[in-house]
């Protein structure tokens, strides 16, 4: 029995997210939030509030496209805390359904770490990685993140009920 391996996308283009990009990204954002499996964002969030959250509040928001200009995913990068805690950043990543399993999340994480260093951040922290999102947990660990804490029953998963979240950290 043979196993199919994902086809990886070799040419990725990273650029600051424009208003037009966010409009294209909105269906992916909305579907991920409504699924209530990975993001602690109100599933009833409006387009305007989502755009503010993803594009206006962070230090930077980045869109990822293939060589044909097709949207593959996006991420934001922001300080995890204010004042004396602003040397550690936080990121959020979303990948379009068609691009999942093709190396886009890995590429975005690697790109965001380089961006974070350029912006002067010393570490990256993910505050609430849903423990049942095993693909993400394993990927972040492969990229050097450690689980530094687990919050029991911190997330109401749409299908599984209350599940744990992990705080994950990596010095840059």
Protein backbone atom coordinates (compact mmCIF):
# COMPACT_ATOMS: atom_id res chain seq x y z
CA UNK A 1 0.00 0.00 0.00
CA UNK A 2 1.49 3.33 -1.00
CA UNK A 3 1.02 6.53 0.92
CA UNK A 4 0.52 9.81 -0.83
CA UNK A 5 2.84 12.59 0.16
CA UNK A 6 1.73 16.21 0.02
CA UNK A 7 2.90 18.31 -2.88
CA UNK A 8 4.88 21.16 -1.38
CA UNK A 9 4.62 24.63 -2.81
CA UNK A 10 8.10 25.76 -3.78
CA UNK A 11 7.50 29.40 -4.65
CA UNK A 12 5.89 31.48 -1.94
CA UNK A 13 5.53 35.24 -1.98
CA UNK A 14 5.21 37.12 1.30
CA UNK A 15 3.88 40.68 1.32
CA UNK A 16 2.20 43.09 3.70
CA UNK A 17 -1.53 42.38 3.75
CA UNK A 18 -3.60 44.96 1.89
CA UNK A 19 -7.32 45.67 2.31
CA UNK A 20 -7.93 43.72 -0.90
CA UNK A 21 -5.90 40.80 0.45
CA UNK A 22 -7.94 40.75 3.65
CA UNK A 23 -11.15 40.69 1.64
CA UNK A 24 -9.81 37.60 -0.19
CA UNK A 25 -8.65 36.08 3.10
CA UNK A 26 -11.98 36.71 4.88
CA UNK A 27 -13.68 33.41 3.81
CA UNK A 28 -10.73 31.42 5.22
CA UNK A 29 -10.67 33.48 8.41
CA UNK A 30 -14.43 33.15 8.90
CA UNK A 31 -14.48 29.38 8.22
CA UNK A 32 -11.66 28.73 10.71
CA UNK A 33 -13.27 30.84 13.41
CA UNK A 34 -16.74 29.37 12.87
CA UNK A 35 -15.34 25.81 13.07
CA UNK A 36 -14.30 26.52 16.69
CA UNK A 37 -11.44 24.04 16.58
CA UNK A 38 -8.32 26.22 16.75
CA UNK A 39 -8.95 29.93 17.42
CA UNK A 40 -10.52 31.55 20.47
CA UNK A 41 -12.22 34.23 18.42
CA UNK A 42 -15.95 34.91 18.60
CA UNK A 43 -17.48 32.97 15.67
CA UNK A 44 -19.89 35.86 15.15
CA UNK A 45 -17.06 38.36 14.54
CA UNK A 46 -17.83 40.91 11.85
CA UNK A 47 -15.64 41.55 8.83
CA UNK A 48 -14.68 44.95 10.23
CA UNK A 49 -13.75 43.60 13.67
CA UNK A 50 -11.79 40.73 12.09
CA UNK A 51 -9.89 43.14 9.86
CA UNK A 52 -9.07 45.30 12.90
CA UNK A 53 -7.90 42.24 14.85
CA UNK A 54 -5.78 40.80 12.03
CA UNK A 55 -4.53 43.92 10.25
CA UNK A 56 -4.71 47.04 12.41
CA UNK A 57 -3.75 45.91 15.92
CA UNK A 58 -0.60 43.89 15.04
CA UNK A 59 2.79 45.36 14.16
CA UNK A 60 2.53 43.61 10.81
CA UNK A 61 0.16 41.38 8.88
CA UNK A 62 1.50 39.29 6.04
CA UNK A 63 -0.22 37.52 3.18
CA UNK A 64 1.28 34.49 1.46
CA UNK A 65 0.59 33.76 -2.19
CA UNK A 66 1.88 31.29 -4.74
CA UNK A 67 3.62 32.18 -8.00
CA UNK A 68 0.21 32.67 -9.66
CA UNK A 69 -1.00 35.12 -7.03
CA UNK A 70 -3.36 32.65 -5.33
CA UNK A 71 -3.83 33.31 -1.63
CA UNK A 72 -2.42 30.48 0.50
CA UNK A 73 -2.49 31.94 3.98
CA UNK A 74 -1.76 34.85 6.23
CA UNK A 75 -0.23 35.70 9.57
CA UNK A 76 -0.04 38.57 12.00
CA UNK A 77 2.82 39.53 14.31
CA UNK A 78 2.41 41.66 17.42
CA UNK A 79 3.89 42.25 20.84
CA UNK A 80 2.56 39.64 23.25
CA UNK A 81 2.31 42.19 26.05
CA UNK A 82 2.85 45.90 26.62
CA UNK A 83 5.64 47.82 28.33
CA UNK A 84 8.18 45.57 30.02
CA UNK A 85 6.78 42.53 28.17
CA UNK A 86 6.92 43.96 24.66
CA UNK A 87 10.17 42.16 23.77
CA UNK A 88 8.24 38.91 23.24
CA UNK A 89 5.96 38.63 20.22
CA UNK A 90 2.89 36.63 19.39
CA UNK A 91 1.74 35.36 16.00
CA UNK A 92 -1.40 33.89 14.51
CA UNK A 93 -1.41 31.84 11.32
CA UNK A 94 -4.21 30.70 9.03
CA UNK A 95 -3.85 28.58 5.90
CA UNK A 96 -6.47 28.25 3.16
CA UNK A 97 -8.05 24.80 2.85
CA UNK A 98 -6.42 24.17 -0.55
CA UNK A 99 -2.93 24.91 0.83
CA UNK A 100 -3.07 22.76 3.99
CA UNK A 101 -0.43 20.07 4.30
CA UNK A 102 1.81 21.70 1.71
CA UNK A 103 4.37 23.47 3.89
CA UNK A 104 2.67 26.87 4.04
CA UNK A 105 2.30 27.00 7.84
CA UNK A 106 5.97 26.01 8.26
CA UNK A 107 7.06 28.69 5.80
CA UNK A 108 4.90 31.32 7.53
CA UNK A 109 6.29 30.40 10.94
CA UNK A 110 9.87 30.60 9.67
CA UNK A 111 9.15 33.91 7.89
CA UNK A 112 7.47 35.35 10.97
CA UNK A 113 10.46 34.48 13.13
CA UNK A 114 12.78 36.35 10.75
CA UNK A 115 10.35 39.30 10.76
CA UNK A 116 10.21 39.22 14.55
CA UNK A 117 14.00 39.38 14.81
CA UNK A 118 14.07 42.33 12.38
CA UNK A 119 11.49 44.09 14.57
CA UNK A 120 13.67 43.54 17.64
CA UNK A 121 11.72 40.81 19.39
CA UNK A 122 13.73 38.39 21.50
CA UNK A 123 11.25 35.52 21.70
CA UNK A 124 7.94 34.28 20.33
CA UNK A 125 5.07 32.96 22.42
CA UNK A 126 1.82 31.30 21.42
CA UNK A 127 -0.68 31.81 24.23
CA UNK A 128 -3.37 29.25 23.46
CA UNK A 129 -2.47 26.44 21.06
CA UNK A 130 -5.44 24.09 21.23
CA UNK A 131 -4.00 20.76 22.39
CA UNK A 132 -6.20 18.76 20.00
CA UNK A 133 -4.67 20.68 17.07
CA UNK A 134 -1.94 18.04 16.98
CA UNK A 135 -0.67 19.02 13.52
CA UNK A 136 0.14 22.52 14.78
CA UNK A 137 1.57 21.36 18.10
CA UNK A 138 3.93 18.92 16.36
CA UNK A 139 4.95 21.49 13.73
CA UNK A 140 5.69 24.20 16.28
CA UNK A 141 7.77 21.70 18.28
CA UNK A 142 9.72 20.72 15.15
CA UNK A 143 10.43 24.43 14.66
CA UNK A 144 11.89 24.73 18.16
CA UNK A 145 8.91 25.78 20.29
CA UNK A 146 8.47 24.22 23.70
CA UNK A 147 5.27 23.69 25.63
CA UNK A 148 5.90 25.78 28.74
CA UNK A 149 2.46 25.36 30.22
CA UNK A 150 -0.90 23.72 29.71
CA UNK A 151 -4.20 25.26 30.72
CA UNK A 152 -6.78 22.55 31.44
CA UNK A 153 -10.15 22.84 29.69
CA UNK A 154 -9.36 26.35 28.44
CA UNK A 155 -11.03 25.95 25.03
CA UNK A 156 -14.61 25.00 24.10
CA UNK A 157 -14.06 22.87 21.01
CA UNK A 158 -17.15 22.61 18.79
CA UNK A 159 -16.99 18.81 18.54
CA UNK A 160 -14.94 17.69 21.53
CA UNK A 161 -16.17 19.97 24.29
CA UNK A 162 -13.65 21.39 26.74
CA UNK A 163 -10.02 20.72 25.75
CA UNK A 164 -6.64 21.93 27.00
CA UNK A 165 -4.54 24.70 25.47
CA UNK A 166 -0.76 24.96 25.48
CA UNK A 167 1.43 28.00 25.96
CA UNK A 168 4.36 27.52 23.57
CA UNK A 169 7.59 29.53 23.58
CA UNK A 170 10.78 29.93 21.59
CA UNK A 171 13.73 32.26 22.12
CA UNK A 172 14.70 33.91 18.83
